Amino acid sequence: MTIKEFFSFRQNKFFWVNLIAMIVVVALVLFGVLKGLDIYTRHGEAVVVPNVKGMGVTEAEKMFRNQGLTCIVSDSSYVKNLPAGCILEHNPAAGQKVKEGRTIYLTINTLNVPLQIVPDVADNSSMRQAQARLLATGFKLAENEYIAGEKDWVYGVKYKGRTLTNGEKVPVGSTLTLIVGDGGALAQESDSTNTETTGSVSSGDSATDDSWF
């Protein structure tokens, strides 16, 4: 076979046989690679992420395990109206389709209530001012405790029966008690003034009597 005959496309049967064979081999290789990738990545197989908001971590783990998924706690936040340890959010979110074996990241309600500084209202605020500041900060208020002192003046703040110091922290949303003056100090001062006046008058009468004798 001459070179001219070999490169004659129309007359060279070996060329066409080889070309067709190469195309078939390449097609089979590509098909095998794509099929292998589908099997490896589980193409077309998806699991719907269940909604586990409000559940405990143990309960959520069981539900995810039944779906072929895993979960880990990745973050925490604080919501005072929800139980400690319950799930607040998860990523991917509920309803999304993911591959089996995917890890779901959970955000739970913190197990420990965070602490907050009590505003400084002792000896510098009236009852109304103190109540407004504490309520605005998120604290709750119990019935006032009254002591002898200037009326409606705040002398201290109590938490669970203990008087707090300036800058002390208590759990967020705690119930506090204001120590408020009931005006008794003014009455005592008035009584003291009356006693001094009466004493002066009596002393003067005694002096007059002595001088008369």
Protein backbone atom coordinates (compact mmCIF):
# COMPACT_ATOMS: atom_id res chain seq x y z
CA MET A 1 0.00 0.00 0.00
CA THR A 2 1.38 3.31 -1.03
CA ILE A 3 1.23 6.51 0.99
CA LYS A 4 -1.08 7.96 -1.59
CA GLU A 5 -3.45 5.03 -1.18
CA PHE A 6 -3.26 5.20 2.66
CA PHE A 7 -4.26 8.87 2.72
CA SER A 8 -6.97 8.38 0.18
CA PHE A 9 -10.02 8.76 2.49
CA ARG A 10 -12.51 7.34 0.13
CA GLN A 11 -10.52 4.30 -0.84
CA ASN A 12 -8.75 3.51 2.46
CA LYS A 13 -10.98 1.18 4.49
CA PHE A 14 -8.48 0.95 7.38
CA PHE A 15 -8.77 4.67 8.04
CA TRP A 16 -12.53 4.57 8.43
CA VAL A 17 -12.41 1.43 10.57
CA ASN A 18 -9.83 3.00 12.89
CA LEU A 19 -11.73 6.28 13.08
CA ILE A 20 -14.99 4.57 13.95
CA ALA A 21 -13.22 2.39 16.51
CA MET A 22 -11.65 5.48 18.17
CA ILE A 23 -15.01 7.24 18.35
CA VAL A 24 -16.63 4.19 19.93
CA VAL A 25 -13.80 3.84 22.48
CA VAL A 26 -13.94 7.52 23.43
CA ALA A 27 -17.73 7.35 23.80
CA LEU A 28 -17.48 4.27 26.01
CA VAL A 29 -14.81 5.90 28.17
CA LEU A 30 -16.86 9.07 28.62
CA PHE A 31 -19.96 7.06 29.42
CA GLY A 32 -18.04 5.03 32.00
CA VAL A 33 -16.55 8.14 33.63
CA LEU A 34 -19.91 9.92 33.86
CA LYS A 35 -21.61 6.81 35.21
CA GLY A 36 -18.90 6.41 37.79
CA LEU A 37 -19.26 10.02 38.89
CA ASP A 38 -23.01 9.60 39.24
CA ILE A 39 -22.50 6.56 41.42
CA TYR A 40 -19.81 8.27 43.49
CA THR A 41 -21.75 11.50 44.04
CA ARG A 42 -25.14 9.76 44.22
CA HIS A 43 -26.49 11.99 41.51
CA GLY A 44 -30.27 12.24 41.61
CA GLU A 45 -30.44 10.94 45.18
CA ALA A 46 -31.57 13.69 47.58
CA VAL A 47 -32.84 13.83 51.15
CA VAL A 48 -35.26 16.52 52.32
CA VAL A 49 -34.04 18.22 55.52
CA PRO A 50 -36.71 17.79 58.21
CA ASN A 51 -37.90 20.66 60.40
CA VAL A 52 -36.44 20.23 63.89
CA LYS A 53 -36.91 23.75 65.28
CA GLY A 54 -38.00 23.68 68.91
CA MET A 55 -36.80 20.11 69.43
CA GLY A 56 -34.03 19.00 71.75
CA VAL A 57 -30.71 17.94 70.25
CA THR A 58 -31.19 14.26 71.11
CA GLU A 59 -34.58 14.12 69.41
CA ALA A 60 -33.23 15.94 66.35
CA GLU A 61 -30.28 13.55 66.09
CA LYS A 62 -32.65 10.58 65.88
CA MET A 63 -34.73 12.25 63.17
CA PHE A 64 -31.67 13.15 61.12
CA ARG A 65 -30.25 9.64 61.54
CA ASN A 66 -33.45 8.17 60.13
CA GLN A 67 -32.97 10.38 57.05
CA GLY A 68 -29.33 9.40 56.67
CA LEU A 69 -28.06 12.75 57.91
CA THR A 70 -25.84 13.85 60.78
CA CYS A 71 -25.91 17.02 62.90
CA ILE A 72 -23.62 19.01 65.17
CA VAL A 73 -24.19 22.04 67.42
CA SER A 74 -22.29 24.95 65.89
CA ASP A 75 -23.70 27.99 67.69
CA SER A 76 -25.96 29.13 70.51
CA SER A 77 -28.17 32.12 71.23
CA TYR A 78 -30.60 33.16 73.97
CA VAL A 79 -34.37 33.42 73.69
CA LYS A 80 -35.93 33.78 77.12
CA ASN A 81 -39.35 32.38 76.15
CA LEU A 82 -37.94 29.07 74.87
CA PRO A 83 -36.52 26.15 76.87
CA ALA A 84 -32.78 25.84 77.24
CA GLY A 85 -31.15 23.52 74.73
CA CYS A 86 -33.92 23.63 72.13
CA ILE A 87 -32.99 24.15 68.47
CA LEU A 88 -33.50 27.71 67.21
CA GLU A 89 -32.17 27.38 63.64
CA HIS A 90 -30.35 24.87 61.44
CA ASN A 91 -28.38 25.05 58.23
CA PRO A 92 -29.36 23.84 55.64
CA ALA A 93 -32.89 24.93 56.48
CA ALA A 94 -35.94 22.68 56.60
CA GLY A 95 -37.29 21.59 53.21
CA GLN A 96 -33.98 21.86 51.34
CA LYS A 97 -32.71 18.83 49.43
CA VAL A 98 -29.24 17.57 50.32
CA LYS A 99 -27.15 14.49 49.72
CA GLU A 100 -27.41 11.60 52.13
CA GLY A 101 -24.73 11.81 54.79
CA ARG A 102 -24.76 15.63 54.82
CA THR A 103 -24.00 17.35 58.16
CA ILE A 104 -26.64 19.75 59.47
CA TYR A 105 -25.37 22.62 61.66
CA LEU A 106 -27.57 23.52 64.62
CA THR A 107 -28.05 26.73 66.61
CA ILE A 108 -29.49 26.02 70.05
CA ASN A 109 -30.91 28.10 72.89
CA THR A 110 -28.08 28.53 75.37
CA LEU A 111 -28.14 26.22 78.39
CA ASN A 112 -26.99 28.98 80.77
CA VAL A 113 -28.94 32.23 81.06
CA PRO A 114 -26.56 35.12 80.30
CA LEU A 115 -25.87 37.69 83.00
CA GLN A 116 -26.61 41.39 82.76
CA ILE A 117 -25.47 44.37 84.82
CA VAL A 118 -28.24 45.92 86.92
CA PRO A 119 -28.51 49.66 86.21
CA ASP A 120 -27.24 51.89 89.00
CA VAL A 121 -30.47 53.29 90.47
CA ALA A 122 -29.69 53.13 94.20
CA ASP A 123 -29.38 56.50 95.95
CA ASN A 124 -29.67 58.46 92.72
CA SER A 125 -33.17 57.78 91.40
CA SER A 126 -36.79 58.19 92.32
CA MET A 127 -39.02 55.14 92.31
CA ARG A 128 -40.52 56.00 88.91
CA GLN A 129 -37.13 56.66 87.34
CA ALA A 130 -35.73 53.40 88.67
CA GLN A 131 -38.75 51.39 87.53
CA ALA A 132 -38.53 52.85 84.02
CA ARG A 133 -34.80 52.08 83.70
CA LEU A 134 -35.07 48.52 84.99
CA LEU A 135 -38.08 47.65 82.84
CA ALA A 136 -36.43 49.14 79.76
CA THR A 137 -33.39 46.94 80.40
CA GLY A 138 -35.56 43.82 80.41
CA PHE A 139 -35.85 43.13 84.12
CA LYS A 140 -39.08 42.40 85.95
CA LEU A 141 -40.17 44.09 89.16
CA ALA A 142 -41.67 42.62 92.30
CA GLU A 143 -43.59 44.61 94.92
CA ASN A 144 -41.49 47.35 96.48
CA GLU A 145 -39.91 46.93 99.89
CA TYR A 146 -40.40 50.05 101.99
CA ILE A 147 -38.07 51.37 104.66
CA ALA A 148 -37.87 54.57 106.69
CA GLY A 149 -36.51 57.27 104.44
CA GLU A 150 -37.35 59.97 101.94
CA LYS A 151 -40.64 59.15 100.30
CA ASP A 152 -40.37 57.32 96.92
CA TRP A 153 -36.58 57.52 96.95
CA VAL A 154 -34.75 54.32 95.92
CA TYR A 155 -32.18 53.18 98.49
CA GLY A 156 -31.26 49.83 96.96
CA VAL A 157 -32.16 46.87 94.71
CA LYS A 158 -32.64 43.29 95.86
CA TYR A 159 -32.41 40.01 93.95
CA LYS A 160 -33.68 36.87 95.70
CA GLY A 161 -33.63 38.63 99.04
CA ARG A 162 -30.07 39.92 98.72
CA THR A 163 -29.18 43.58 98.28
CA LEU A 164 -27.10 44.07 95.15
CA THR A 165 -23.91 46.08 94.97
CA ASN A 166 -23.22 48.65 92.27
CA GLY A 167 -22.32 47.01 88.95
CA GLU A 168 -23.38 43.52 90.00
CA LYS A 169 -24.74 41.11 87.36
CA VAL A 170 -27.84 38.94 87.55
CA PRO A 171 -29.52 36.64 84.97
CA VAL A 172 -31.27 38.42 82.11
CA GLY A 173 -34.97 38.99 82.78
CA SER A 174 -34.68 38.44 86.54
CA THR A 175 -37.27 39.79 88.98
CA LEU A 176 -35.88 42.57 91.17
CA THR A 177 -37.21 44.34 94.25
CA LEU A 178 -36.73 48.05 94.85
CA ILE A 179 -35.99 49.29 98.35
CA VAL A 180 -37.97 52.52 98.59
CA GLY A 181 -38.35 55.14 101.31
CA ASP A 182 -41.83 55.49 102.83
CA GLY A 183 -41.43 59.03 104.16
CA GLY A 184 -40.79 57.87 107.72
CA ALA A 185 -37.60 59.89 108.05
CA LEU A 186 -39.53 63.16 107.62
CA ALA A 187 -41.88 62.24 110.44
CA GLN A 188 -38.96 61.40 112.72
CA GLU A 189 -37.32 64.77 111.99
CA SER A 190 -40.62 66.55 112.76
CA ASP A 191 -40.93 64.68 116.07
CA SER A 192 -37.33 65.55 116.89
CA THR A 193 -38.00 69.27 116.18
CA ASN A 194 -41.12 69.25 118.35
CA THR A 195 -39.19 67.59 121.17
CA GLU A 196 -36.42 70.19 121.00
CA THR A 197 -39.01 73.04 121.03
CA THR A 198 -40.86 71.55 123.98
CA GLY A 199 -37.60 71.08 125.82
CA SER A 200 -36.63 74.71 125.27
CA VAL A 201 -39.98 75.97 126.58
CA SER A 202 -39.76 73.79 129.65
CA SER A 203 -36.23 74.98 130.33
CA GLY A 204 -37.35 78.61 130.07
CA ASP A 205 -40.22 78.08 132.49
CA SER A 206 -37.88 76.43 134.97
CA ALA A 207 -35.48 79.36 134.75
CA THR A 208 -38.30 81.83 135.38
CA ASP A 209 -39.47 79.90 138.38
CA ASP A 210 -35.95 79.75 139.83
CA SER A 211 -35.38 83.45 139.36
CA TRP A 212 -38.73 84.24 141.00
CA PHE A 213 -37.67 82.38 144.10
